[in-house]
Amino acid sequence: MARPLTIAVPKGRILKQLCVLLEKAGLDPSTLRADDRRLVRDDEEAGLRYLLLKPDDVPTYVEYGAADLGVVGRDVLLEREYDLYAPLDLGIGRCRMMVAGLPDSPEPERTLRVGTKFPNVAGRHYMRQGKPVEIIFVQGSVELAPLTGLADRIVDLVESGETLRQNGLVTLEHVCDVSSVIVANRAGLKLERARIRPLLDALEAAIAS
């Protein structure tokens, strides 16, 4: 009996959007929607196994071959370097990477301080502008950084912008657009192409419909 095709998927809000897309692609997402704590979910009829992971861990499992495919946000791929192939943009989890700060706040004469949990993305953004900055790594509640004087600007993901508005911040610069993509282990893609290609084709058709 062939081993199941293993797909690493992120826990959280993206999983709900992914389930809708899988259903449109002709797959049964009920095992993913089950309200329990299993981290390994099998769809034996489709020959699929799902690993439920934190979003940041998805590409690691795929890169090291523990999963054949994964669903991950472009922000994660941009922040870290992975040896992965990204054959399909799923068009879900759309948001923007933005520079934000207090309205009408001038840049200081000293080096600009930027708070972010995406230090590499932020660093490259300012490097393209030829602007020296001090990057301050902040894991959560990034919006606090300008409010407390920790940083002059933040670089973060923005979906609706409501969190920024409620904290008195505004967007200042667009860094890049972000959405969730399928990533594949390069060696696994060659070995399992006969099973992976039909799945990608079905998902692509679901996206287009």
N, C-alpha and C. Protein backbone atom coordinates (compact mmCIF):
# COMPACT_ATOMS: atom_id res chain seq x y z
N MET A 1 0.85 -1.21 0.00
CA MET A 1 0.00 0.00 0.00
C MET A 1 0.88 1.25 0.00
N ALA A 2 0.60 2.21 -0.89
CA ALA A 2 1.40 3.43 -0.99
C ALA A 2 1.23 4.27 0.27
N ARG A 3 2.32 4.91 0.67
CA ARG A 3 2.24 5.80 1.83
C ARG A 3 1.40 7.00 1.46
N PRO A 4 0.76 7.63 2.45
CA PRO A 4 -0.05 8.82 2.14
C PRO A 4 0.83 9.99 1.73
N LEU A 5 0.28 10.83 0.89
CA LEU A 5 0.93 12.09 0.54
C LEU A 5 0.74 13.04 1.72
N THR A 6 1.84 13.55 2.26
CA THR A 6 1.76 14.32 3.50
C THR A 6 1.80 15.82 3.22
N ILE A 7 0.83 16.53 3.79
CA ILE A 7 0.71 17.97 3.59
C ILE A 7 0.75 18.68 4.95
N ALA A 8 1.69 19.58 5.12
CA ALA A 8 1.78 20.38 6.34
C ALA A 8 0.90 21.61 6.19
N VAL A 9 0.00 21.81 7.14
CA VAL A 9 -0.93 22.94 7.05
C VAL A 9 -0.87 23.76 8.34
N PRO A 10 -1.12 25.07 8.25
CA PRO A 10 -1.03 25.92 9.43
C PRO A 10 -2.32 25.88 10.26
N LYS A 11 -2.14 25.81 11.56
CA LYS A 11 -3.29 25.95 12.45
C LYS A 11 -3.71 27.42 12.47
N GLY A 12 -4.98 27.68 12.76
CA GLY A 12 -5.44 29.06 12.86
C GLY A 12 -6.38 29.46 11.75
N ARG A 13 -6.46 30.77 11.51
CA ARG A 13 -7.48 31.32 10.61
C ARG A 13 -7.31 30.87 9.17
N ILE A 14 -6.07 30.65 8.72
CA ILE A 14 -5.85 30.25 7.34
C ILE A 14 -6.44 28.86 7.08
N LEU A 15 -6.47 28.03 8.12
CA LEU A 15 -6.98 26.66 7.94
C LEU A 15 -8.44 26.67 7.48
N LYS A 16 -9.23 27.59 7.99
CA LYS A 16 -10.63 27.66 7.57
C LYS A 16 -10.75 28.00 6.09
N GLN A 17 -9.95 28.96 5.63
CA GLN A 17 -9.97 29.31 4.21
C GLN A 17 -9.45 28.17 3.35
N LEU A 18 -8.45 27.46 3.86
CA LEU A 18 -7.90 26.32 3.13
C LEU A 18 -8.94 25.22 2.97
N CYS A 19 -9.72 24.97 4.01
CA CYS A 19 -10.75 23.92 3.95
C CYS A 19 -11.77 24.23 2.84
N VAL A 20 -12.15 25.48 2.72
CA VAL A 20 -13.08 25.88 1.65
C VAL A 20 -12.47 25.60 0.28
N LEU A 21 -11.20 25.93 0.12
CA LEU A 21 -10.51 25.71 -1.15
C LEU A 21 -10.38 24.22 -1.46
N LEU A 22 -10.04 23.42 -0.46
CA LEU A 22 -9.92 21.97 -0.65
C LEU A 22 -11.26 21.37 -1.09
N GLU A 23 -12.33 21.86 -0.48
CA GLU A 23 -13.66 21.36 -0.83
C GLU A 23 -13.98 21.69 -2.29
N LYS A 24 -13.64 22.89 -2.72
CA LYS A 24 -13.86 23.28 -4.12
C LYS A 24 -13.02 22.44 -5.07
N ALA A 25 -11.88 21.94 -4.56
CA ALA A 25 -11.00 21.12 -5.38
C ALA A 25 -11.42 19.65 -5.39
N GLY A 26 -12.55 19.34 -4.73
CA GLY A 26 -13.07 17.98 -4.75
C GLY A 26 -12.58 17.09 -3.62
N LEU A 27 -11.93 17.69 -2.61
CA LEU A 27 -11.45 16.92 -1.46
C LEU A 27 -12.38 17.11 -0.27
N ASP A 28 -12.34 16.17 0.63
CA ASP A 28 -13.18 16.23 1.83
C ASP A 28 -12.35 16.78 2.99
N PRO A 29 -12.61 18.03 3.43
CA PRO A 29 -11.81 18.62 4.49
C PRO A 29 -12.32 18.32 5.90
N SER A 30 -13.25 17.37 6.03
CA SER A 30 -13.88 17.13 7.33
C SER A 30 -12.87 16.73 8.41
N THR A 31 -11.82 15.99 8.01
CA THR A 31 -10.82 15.59 9.01
C THR A 31 -10.07 16.80 9.56
N LEU A 32 -9.92 17.86 8.72
CA LEU A 32 -9.27 19.08 9.18
C LEU A 32 -10.20 19.92 10.04
N ARG A 33 -11.48 19.80 9.79
CA ARG A 33 -12.46 20.60 10.55
C ARG A 33 -12.83 19.95 11.88
N ALA A 34 -12.42 18.71 12.10
CA ALA A 34 -12.76 18.01 13.34
C ALA A 34 -12.23 18.79 14.54
N ASP A 35 -13.08 18.95 15.55
CA ASP A 35 -12.74 19.75 16.74
C ASP A 35 -12.05 18.86 17.77
N ASP A 36 -10.78 18.57 17.54
CA ASP A 36 -10.00 17.81 18.51
C ASP A 36 -8.56 18.26 18.44
N ARG A 37 -7.70 17.62 19.22
CA ARG A 37 -6.31 18.08 19.33
C ARG A 37 -5.32 17.23 18.56
N ARG A 38 -5.80 16.38 17.68
CA ARG A 38 -4.88 15.57 16.88
C ARG A 38 -4.06 16.46 15.95
N LEU A 39 -2.78 16.22 15.93
CA LEU A 39 -1.89 17.00 15.06
C LEU A 39 -1.62 16.28 13.75
N VAL A 40 -1.97 15.01 13.68
CA VAL A 40 -1.87 14.23 12.44
C VAL A 40 -3.27 13.78 12.07
N ARG A 41 -3.73 14.16 10.89
CA ARG A 41 -5.08 13.84 10.43
C ARG A 41 -4.99 13.09 9.10
N ASP A 42 -5.59 11.91 9.03
CA ASP A 42 -5.54 11.10 7.81
C ASP A 42 -6.86 11.13 7.04
N ASP A 43 -6.76 11.34 5.74
CA ASP A 43 -7.87 11.16 4.82
C ASP A 43 -7.52 9.92 4.00
N GLU A 44 -7.89 8.75 4.50
CA GLU A 44 -7.46 7.50 3.89
C GLU A 44 -8.03 7.33 2.48
N GLU A 45 -9.25 7.81 2.27
CA GLU A 45 -9.88 7.67 0.95
C GLU A 45 -9.09 8.43 -0.12
N ALA A 46 -8.59 9.61 0.22
CA ALA A 46 -7.83 10.42 -0.74
C ALA A 46 -6.34 10.11 -0.72
N GLY A 47 -5.91 9.29 0.25
CA GLY A 47 -4.49 8.98 0.35
C GLY A 47 -3.66 10.15 0.83
N LEU A 48 -4.26 10.98 1.71
CA LEU A 48 -3.59 12.18 2.20
C LEU A 48 -3.42 12.13 3.71
N ARG A 49 -2.35 12.69 4.17
CA ARG A 49 -2.11 12.88 5.61
C ARG A 49 -1.80 14.36 5.83
N TYR A 50 -2.46 14.96 6.80
CA TYR A 50 -2.25 16.37 7.12
C TYR A 50 -1.53 16.48 8.45
N LEU A 51 -0.53 17.35 8.51
CA LEU A 51 0.15 17.69 9.75
C LEU A 51 -0.26 19.10 10.13
N LEU A 52 -0.84 19.28 11.32
CA LEU A 52 -1.26 20.60 11.78
C LEU A 52 -0.13 21.23 12.58
N LEU A 53 0.40 22.35 12.06
CA LEU A 53 1.59 22.96 12.63
C LEU A 53 1.40 24.45 12.86
N LYS A 54 2.28 25.03 13.65
CA LYS A 54 2.35 26.48 13.71
C LYS A 54 2.83 26.98 12.34
N PRO A 55 2.29 28.09 11.85
CA PRO A 55 2.63 28.55 10.50
C PRO A 55 4.13 28.64 10.22
N ASP A 56 4.91 29.11 11.20
CA ASP A 56 6.35 29.28 10.99
C ASP A 56 7.07 27.95 10.82
N ASP A 57 6.47 26.85 11.28
CA ASP A 57 7.13 25.55 11.21
C ASP A 57 6.85 24.80 9.91
N VAL A 58 5.85 25.22 9.16
CA VAL A 58 5.45 24.48 7.96
C VAL A 58 6.61 24.29 6.98
N PRO A 59 7.32 25.36 6.58
CA PRO A 59 8.38 25.16 5.60
C PRO A 59 9.52 24.28 6.09
N THR A 60 9.76 24.27 7.38
CA THR A 60 10.82 23.41 7.92
C THR A 60 10.48 21.94 7.72
N TYR A 61 9.25 21.56 7.99
CA TYR A 61 8.82 20.18 7.81
C TYR A 61 8.91 19.76 6.35
N VAL A 62 8.59 20.70 5.45
CA VAL A 62 8.65 20.39 4.03
C VAL A 62 10.10 20.31 3.55
N GLU A 63 10.92 21.25 3.97
CA GLU A 63 12.31 21.28 3.52
C GLU A 63 13.05 20.01 3.92
N TYR A 64 12.77 19.48 5.11
CA TYR A 64 13.48 18.30 5.59
C TYR A 64 12.78 16.99 5.23
N GLY A 65 11.71 17.08 4.42
CA GLY A 65 11.09 15.87 3.90
C GLY A 65 10.10 15.19 4.80
N ALA A 66 9.76 15.80 5.95
CA ALA A 66 8.74 15.22 6.82
C ALA A 66 7.35 15.41 6.21
N ALA A 67 7.24 16.35 5.29
CA ALA A 67 6.00 16.58 4.53
C ALA A 67 6.37 16.78 3.06
N ASP A 68 5.49 16.32 2.17
CA ASP A 68 5.72 16.49 0.74
C ASP A 68 5.37 17.89 0.28
N LEU A 69 4.28 18.42 0.83
CA LEU A 69 3.78 19.75 0.48
C LEU A 69 3.46 20.51 1.76
N GLY A 70 3.36 21.83 1.63
CA GLY A 70 2.96 22.64 2.76
C GLY A 70 2.21 23.87 2.30
N VAL A 71 1.45 24.46 3.20
CA VAL A 71 0.75 25.71 2.94
C VAL A 71 1.32 26.75 3.90
N VAL A 72 1.88 27.82 3.32
CA VAL A 72 2.60 28.80 4.15
C VAL A 72 2.45 30.19 3.55
N GLY A 73 2.47 31.19 4.41
CA GLY A 73 2.40 32.58 3.95
C GLY A 73 3.72 33.02 3.34
N ARG A 74 3.65 33.87 2.33
CA ARG A 74 4.87 34.38 1.71
C ARG A 74 5.74 35.15 2.70
N ASP A 75 5.12 35.72 3.74
CA ASP A 75 5.90 36.45 4.73
C ASP A 75 6.93 35.56 5.40
N VAL A 76 6.55 34.29 5.66
CA VAL A 76 7.48 33.35 6.29
C VAL A 76 8.62 33.03 5.34
N LEU A 77 8.31 32.84 4.06
CA LEU A 77 9.33 32.52 3.07
C LEU A 77 10.26 33.70 2.83
N LEU A 78 9.72 34.92 2.88
CA LEU A 78 10.54 36.10 2.67
C LEU A 78 11.47 36.37 3.85
N GLU A 79 11.01 36.02 5.04
CA GLU A 79 11.80 36.30 6.24
C GLU A 79 12.98 35.33 6.39
N ARG A 80 12.78 34.08 5.95
CA ARG A 80 13.82 33.07 6.11
C ARG A 80 14.15 32.46 4.76
N GLU A 81 15.31 31.89 4.66
CA GLU A 81 15.71 31.26 3.41
C GLU A 81 15.47 29.75 3.49
N TYR A 82 14.66 29.25 2.55
CA TYR A 82 14.37 27.82 2.48
C TYR A 82 14.66 27.32 1.08
N ASP A 83 15.09 26.07 0.99
CA ASP A 83 15.32 25.45 -0.31
C ASP A 83 14.04 24.72 -0.72
N LEU A 84 13.07 25.50 -1.15
CA LEU A 84 11.75 24.96 -1.47
C LEU A 84 11.28 25.48 -2.83
N TYR A 85 10.39 24.73 -3.43
CA TYR A 85 9.74 25.12 -4.68
C TYR A 85 8.33 25.58 -4.33
N ALA A 86 7.91 26.72 -4.86
CA ALA A 86 6.56 27.25 -4.58
C ALA A 86 5.76 27.27 -5.88
N PRO A 87 5.09 26.17 -6.22
CA PRO A 87 4.45 26.05 -7.53
C PRO A 87 3.10 26.75 -7.67
N LEU A 88 2.47 27.15 -6.54
CA LEU A 88 1.10 27.65 -6.66
C LEU A 88 0.77 28.64 -5.56
N ASP A 89 0.25 29.81 -5.97
CA ASP A 89 -0.28 30.79 -5.03
C ASP A 89 -1.75 30.47 -4.82
N LEU A 90 -2.13 30.20 -3.58
CA LEU A 90 -3.51 29.79 -3.28
C LEU A 90 -4.48 30.96 -3.23
N GLY A 91 -3.96 32.17 -3.13
CA GLY A 91 -4.84 33.34 -3.11
C GLY A 91 -5.64 33.51 -1.83
N ILE A 92 -5.25 32.80 -0.76
CA ILE A 92 -5.93 32.95 0.53
C ILE A 92 -4.98 33.62 1.51
N GLY A 93 -5.54 34.13 2.61
CA GLY A 93 -4.72 34.80 3.60
C GLY A 93 -4.08 36.08 3.08
N ARG A 94 -4.79 36.76 2.18
CA ARG A 94 -4.20 37.96 1.58
C ARG A 94 -4.08 39.10 2.60
N CYS A 95 -2.92 39.72 2.61
CA CYS A 95 -2.69 40.90 3.44
C CYS A 95 -1.49 41.65 2.87
N ARG A 96 -1.07 42.70 3.55
CA ARG A 96 0.04 43.52 3.06
C ARG A 96 1.10 43.67 4.16
N MET A 97 2.34 43.65 3.77
CA MET A 97 3.42 43.99 4.69
C MET A 97 3.62 45.50 4.56
N MET A 98 3.49 46.20 5.68
CA MET A 98 3.50 47.65 5.64
C MET A 98 4.44 48.24 6.69
N VAL A 99 4.92 49.44 6.39
CA VAL A 99 5.56 50.28 7.40
C VAL A 99 4.45 51.14 8.02
N ALA A 100 4.41 51.21 9.33
CA ALA A 100 3.38 52.02 10.01
C ALA A 100 4.02 52.81 11.14
N GLY A 101 3.30 53.82 11.57
CA GLY A 101 3.80 54.64 12.67
C GLY A 101 2.74 55.64 13.11
N LEU A 102 3.11 56.53 13.98
CA LEU A 102 2.19 57.58 14.42
C LEU A 102 1.98 58.58 13.30
N PRO A 103 0.77 59.13 13.16
CA PRO A 103 0.53 60.10 12.09
C PRO A 103 1.34 61.37 12.30
N ASP A 104 1.81 61.92 11.20
CA ASP A 104 2.56 63.19 11.22
C ASP A 104 3.80 63.15 12.10
N SER A 105 4.38 61.95 12.25
CA SER A 105 5.60 61.86 13.07
C SER A 105 6.82 61.95 12.15
N PRO A 106 7.61 62.99 12.28
CA PRO A 106 8.78 63.14 11.40
C PRO A 106 9.85 62.11 11.74
N GLU A 107 10.68 61.79 10.76
CA GLU A 107 11.79 60.88 11.03
C GLU A 107 12.81 61.60 11.91
N PRO A 108 13.35 60.93 12.90
CA PRO A 108 14.30 61.58 13.82
C PRO A 108 15.63 61.85 13.14
N GLU A 109 16.42 62.75 13.72
CA GLU A 109 17.75 63.04 13.18
C GLU A 109 18.70 61.87 13.42
N ARG A 110 18.47 61.14 14.49
CA ARG A 110 19.28 59.94 14.75
C ARG A 110 18.84 58.82 13.81
N THR A 111 19.48 57.66 13.90
CA THR A 111 19.13 56.50 13.10
C THR A 111 17.70 56.06 13.42
N LEU A 112 16.92 55.82 12.39
CA LEU A 112 15.54 55.40 12.56
C LEU A 112 15.47 54.04 13.23
N ARG A 113 14.64 53.92 14.26
CA ARG A 113 14.45 52.63 14.94
C ARG A 113 13.16 51.99 14.44
N VAL A 114 13.26 50.73 14.03
CA VAL A 114 12.12 50.02 13.43
C VAL A 114 11.85 48.75 14.22
N GLY A 115 10.65 48.66 14.79
CA GLY A 115 10.24 47.47 15.53
C GLY A 115 9.52 46.50 14.61
N THR A 116 9.86 45.22 14.67
CA THR A 116 9.25 44.24 13.78
C THR A 116 9.57 42.82 14.20
N LYS A 117 8.70 41.89 13.81
CA LYS A 117 9.03 40.46 13.95
C LYS A 117 9.52 39.91 12.61
N PHE A 118 9.75 40.80 11.65
CA PHE A 118 10.29 40.43 10.34
C PHE A 118 11.58 41.22 10.08
N PRO A 119 12.64 40.98 10.86
CA PRO A 119 13.84 41.81 10.75
C PRO A 119 14.51 41.73 9.38
N ASN A 120 14.49 40.58 8.73
CA ASN A 120 15.14 40.47 7.43
C ASN A 120 14.35 41.20 6.35
N VAL A 121 13.02 41.06 6.37
CA VAL A 121 12.18 41.78 5.42
C VAL A 121 12.33 43.28 5.60
N ALA A 122 12.27 43.73 6.86
CA ALA A 122 12.40 45.16 7.14
C ALA A 122 13.77 45.68 6.74
N GLY A 123 14.81 44.92 7.06
CA GLY A 123 16.17 45.35 6.73
C GLY A 123 16.37 45.50 5.24
N ARG A 124 15.85 44.53 4.45
CA ARG A 124 15.98 44.62 2.99
C ARG A 124 15.20 45.80 2.43
N HIS A 125 14.02 46.08 3.02
CA HIS A 125 13.20 47.20 2.55
C HIS A 125 13.96 48.52 2.67
N TYR A 126 14.57 48.75 3.83
CA TYR A 126 15.28 50.00 4.03
C TYR A 126 16.62 50.02 3.31
N MET A 127 17.21 48.84 3.11
CA MET A 127 18.47 48.78 2.36
C MET A 127 18.25 49.21 0.92
N ARG A 128 17.09 48.82 0.34
CA ARG A 128 16.78 49.24 -1.03
C ARG A 128 16.66 50.75 -1.13
N GLN A 129 16.27 51.38 -0.03
CA GLN A 129 16.16 52.84 -0.02
C GLN A 129 17.48 53.52 0.32
N GLY A 130 18.47 52.72 0.69
CA GLY A 130 19.75 53.28 1.10
C GLY A 130 19.68 53.99 2.42
N LYS A 131 18.76 53.56 3.28
CA LYS A 131 18.52 54.25 4.55
C LYS A 131 19.00 53.38 5.72
N PRO A 132 19.95 53.84 6.51
CA PRO A 132 20.39 53.05 7.68
C PRO A 132 19.32 53.05 8.76
N VAL A 133 19.04 51.89 9.32
CA VAL A 133 18.04 51.78 10.39
C VAL A 133 18.55 50.84 11.47
N GLU A 134 17.99 51.00 12.64
CA GLU A 134 18.24 50.06 13.74
C GLU A 134 17.00 49.18 13.87
N ILE A 135 17.16 47.89 13.63
CA ILE A 135 16.03 46.96 13.70
C ILE A 135 15.91 46.44 15.13
N ILE A 136 14.72 46.56 15.70
CA ILE A 136 14.44 46.04 17.04
C ILE A 136 13.46 44.88 16.88
N PHE A 137 13.89 43.69 17.24
CA PHE A 137 13.02 42.51 17.11
C PHE A 137 11.96 42.51 18.20
N VAL A 138 10.70 42.48 17.78
CA VAL A 138 9.55 42.44 18.70
C VAL A 138 8.66 41.29 18.25
N GLN A 139 8.42 40.34 19.12
CA GLN A 139 7.70 39.13 18.72
C GLN A 139 6.19 39.35 18.62
N GLY A 140 5.61 40.10 19.54
CA GLY A 140 4.17 40.30 19.54
C GLY A 140 3.81 41.71 19.96
N SER A 141 2.52 42.09 19.75
CA SER A 141 2.03 43.44 20.08
C SER A 141 2.98 44.51 19.54
N VAL A 142 3.30 44.37 18.25
CA VAL A 142 4.26 45.28 17.62
C VAL A 142 3.76 46.72 17.67
N GLU A 143 2.44 46.90 17.68
CA GLU A 143 1.86 48.24 17.66
C GLU A 143 2.28 49.07 18.87
N LEU A 144 2.69 48.42 19.95
CA LEU A 144 3.10 49.14 21.15
C LEU A 144 4.41 49.90 20.95
N ALA A 145 5.22 49.43 20.02
CA ALA A 145 6.57 49.99 19.89
C ALA A 145 6.57 51.51 19.65
N PRO A 146 5.78 52.03 18.69
CA PRO A 146 5.77 53.50 18.51
C PRO A 146 5.06 54.23 19.64
N LEU A 147 4.10 53.56 20.28
CA LEU A 147 3.33 54.22 21.34
C LEU A 147 4.16 54.44 22.59
N THR A 148 5.16 53.59 22.81
CA THR A 148 5.97 53.68 24.02
C THR A 148 7.34 54.31 23.76
N GLY A 149 7.63 54.65 22.50
CA GLY A 149 8.93 55.22 22.17
C GLY A 149 10.01 54.18 21.93
N LEU A 150 9.65 52.91 21.98
CA LEU A 150 10.64 51.87 21.70
C LEU A 150 11.17 51.98 20.28
N ALA A 151 10.27 52.29 19.34
CA ALA A 151 10.65 52.40 17.92
C ALA A 151 9.91 53.57 17.28
N ASP A 152 10.46 54.06 16.19
CA ASP A 152 9.83 55.15 15.44
C ASP A 152 8.82 54.62 14.44
N ARG A 153 9.09 53.45 13.91
CA ARG A 153 8.24 52.82 12.91
C ARG A 153 8.12 51.34 13.23
N ILE A 154 7.11 50.70 12.65
CA ILE A 154 7.02 49.24 12.71
C ILE A 154 6.86 48.72 11.29
N VAL A 155 7.27 47.49 11.08
CA VAL A 155 6.99 46.77 9.84
C VAL A 155 6.23 45.53 10.24
N ASP A 156 4.99 45.41 9.72
CA ASP A 156 4.14 44.31 10.15
C ASP A 156 3.11 44.00 9.07
N LEU A 157 2.45 42.86 9.24
CA LEU A 157 1.37 42.48 8.33
C LEU A 157 0.11 43.26 8.68
N VAL A 158 -0.58 43.73 7.66
CA VAL A 158 -1.82 44.49 7.84
C VAL A 158 -2.89 43.84 6.98
N GLU A 159 -4.00 43.49 7.61
CA GLU A 159 -5.12 42.92 6.85
C GLU A 159 -6.16 44.01 6.63
N SER A 160 -6.95 44.30 7.64
CA SER A 160 -7.97 45.36 7.49
C SER A 160 -7.43 46.73 7.94
N GLY A 161 -6.41 46.72 8.78
CA GLY A 161 -5.89 47.97 9.33
C GLY A 161 -6.58 48.41 10.60
N GLU A 162 -7.54 47.61 11.07
CA GLU A 162 -8.33 48.01 12.25
C GLU A 162 -7.46 48.08 13.50
N THR A 163 -6.55 47.14 13.68
CA THR A 163 -5.68 47.16 14.87
C THR A 163 -4.82 48.42 14.88
N LEU A 164 -4.31 48.80 13.72
CA LEU A 164 -3.54 50.04 13.65
C LEU A 164 -4.39 51.23 14.04
N ARG A 165 -5.59 51.30 13.47
CA ARG A 165 -6.48 52.45 13.74
C ARG A 165 -6.81 52.55 15.22
N GLN A 166 -7.12 51.42 15.83
CA GLN A 166 -7.50 51.45 17.24
C GLN A 166 -6.34 51.84 18.15
N ASN A 167 -5.13 51.73 17.63
CA ASN A 167 -3.96 52.12 18.42
C ASN A 167 -3.35 53.44 17.92
N GLY A 168 -4.10 54.17 17.08
CA GLY A 168 -3.69 55.50 16.66
C GLY A 168 -2.54 55.51 15.67
N LEU A 169 -2.34 54.42 14.94
CA LEU A 169 -1.25 54.33 13.97
C LEU A 169 -1.80 54.39 12.55
N VAL A 170 -0.94 54.74 11.62
CA VAL A 170 -1.32 54.80 10.21
C VAL A 170 -0.26 54.09 9.37
N THR A 171 -0.66 53.59 8.21
CA THR A 171 0.30 53.00 7.29
C THR A 171 1.07 54.10 6.58
N LEU A 172 2.36 53.87 6.37
CA LEU A 172 3.23 54.88 5.77
C LEU A 172 3.87 54.42 4.47
N GLU A 173 4.21 53.15 4.38
CA GLU A 173 4.84 52.62 3.17
C GLU A 173 4.39 51.19 2.93
N HIS A 174 4.25 50.85 1.66
CA HIS A 174 3.93 49.48 1.27
C HIS A 174 5.23 48.72 1.04
N VAL A 175 5.39 47.57 1.70
CA VAL A 175 6.60 46.75 1.53
C VAL A 175 6.36 45.67 0.48
N CYS A 176 5.31 44.87 0.67
CA CYS A 176 4.98 43.82 -0.31
C CYS A 176 3.60 43.26 0.00
N ASP A 177 3.03 42.57 -0.97
CA ASP A 177 1.77 41.86 -0.78
C ASP A 177 2.08 40.43 -0.32
N VAL A 178 1.19 39.88 0.49
CA VAL A 178 1.40 38.55 1.06
C VAL A 178 0.15 37.72 0.86
N SER A 179 0.33 36.44 0.53
CA SER A 179 -0.76 35.48 0.48
C SER A 179 -0.16 34.11 0.78
N SER A 180 -1.01 33.11 0.92
CA SER A 180 -0.53 31.76 1.21
C SER A 180 -0.24 31.01 -0.08
N VAL A 181 0.84 30.26 -0.07
CA VAL A 181 1.27 29.51 -1.25
C VAL A 181 1.49 28.05 -0.87
N ILE A 182 1.47 27.20 -1.89
CA ILE A 182 1.88 25.81 -1.72
C ILE A 182 3.39 25.75 -1.89
N VAL A 183 4.06 25.07 -0.96
CA VAL A 183 5.49 24.82 -1.13
C VAL A 183 5.72 23.32 -1.20
N ALA A 184 6.77 22.93 -1.93
CA ALA A 184 7.06 21.52 -2.13
C ALA A 184 8.53 21.24 -1.86
N ASN A 185 8.78 20.07 -1.30
CA ASN A 185 10.14 19.57 -1.18
C ASN A 185 10.64 19.24 -2.59
N ARG A 186 11.78 19.78 -2.96
CA ARG A 186 12.24 19.64 -4.35
C ARG A 186 12.44 18.18 -4.75
N ALA A 187 13.08 17.39 -3.91
CA ALA A 187 13.30 15.98 -4.23
C ALA A 187 11.97 15.23 -4.23
N GLY A 188 11.12 15.53 -3.25
CA GLY A 188 9.83 14.87 -3.16
C GLY A 188 8.93 15.17 -4.35
N LEU A 189 9.05 16.39 -4.88
CA LEU A 189 8.23 16.77 -6.03
C LEU A 189 8.56 15.90 -7.25
N LYS A 190 9.84 15.59 -7.41
CA LYS A 190 10.24 14.73 -8.53
C LYS A 190 9.77 13.30 -8.31
N LEU A 191 9.95 12.79 -7.08
CA LEU A 191 9.62 11.40 -6.79
C LEU A 191 8.11 11.16 -6.78
N GLU A 192 7.35 12.14 -6.32
CA GLU A 192 5.90 11.97 -6.17
C GLU A 192 5.11 12.81 -7.17
N ARG A 193 5.74 13.18 -8.27
CA ARG A 193 5.10 14.06 -9.24
C ARG A 193 3.76 13.51 -9.73
N ALA A 194 3.66 12.20 -9.91
CA ALA A 194 2.43 11.60 -10.43
C ALA A 194 1.26 11.80 -9.48
N ARG A 195 1.54 11.95 -8.19
CA ARG A 195 0.46 12.18 -7.22
C ARG A 195 0.29 13.66 -6.89
N ILE A 196 1.39 14.40 -6.92
CA ILE A 196 1.33 15.82 -6.56
C ILE A 196 0.71 16.67 -7.67
N ARG A 197 1.06 16.39 -8.93
CA ARG A 197 0.59 17.22 -10.04
C ARG A 197 -0.94 17.26 -10.14
N PRO A 198 -1.66 16.12 -10.04
CA PRO A 198 -3.13 16.20 -10.10
C PRO A 198 -3.73 17.03 -8.97
N LEU A 199 -3.10 16.95 -7.78
CA LEU A 199 -3.59 17.74 -6.64
C LEU A 199 -3.41 19.23 -6.91
N LEU A 200 -2.24 19.60 -7.44
CA LEU A 200 -1.99 21.01 -7.76
C LEU A 200 -2.94 21.50 -8.86
N ASP A 201 -3.19 20.64 -9.84
CA ASP A 201 -4.11 21.01 -10.93
C ASP A 201 -5.53 21.24 -10.39
N ALA A 202 -5.96 20.37 -9.46
CA ALA A 202 -7.29 20.52 -8.88
C ALA A 202 -7.42 21.81 -8.07
N LEU A 203 -6.36 22.13 -7.32
CA LEU A 203 -6.36 23.36 -6.53
C LEU A 203 -6.34 24.59 -7.45
N GLU A 204 -5.58 24.52 -8.53
CA GLU A 204 -5.51 25.63 -9.47
C GLU A 204 -6.86 25.88 -10.12
N ALA A 205 -7.56 24.79 -10.44
CA ALA A 205 -8.89 24.93 -11.03
C ALA A 205 -9.88 25.51 -10.01
N ALA A 206 -9.73 25.12 -8.75
CA ALA A 206 -10.60 25.65 -7.69
C ALA A 206 -10.38 27.13 -7.49
N ILE A 207 -9.13 27.56 -7.57
CA ILE A 207 -8.80 28.98 -7.43
C ILE A 207 -9.41 29.79 -8.56
N ALA A 208 -9.36 29.24 -9.76
CA ALA A 208 -9.84 29.94 -10.96
C ALA A 208 -11.37 30.00 -11.02
N SER A 209 -12.03 29.07 -10.35
CA SER A 209 -13.51 28.99 -10.45
C SER A 209 -14.19 30.06 -9.63
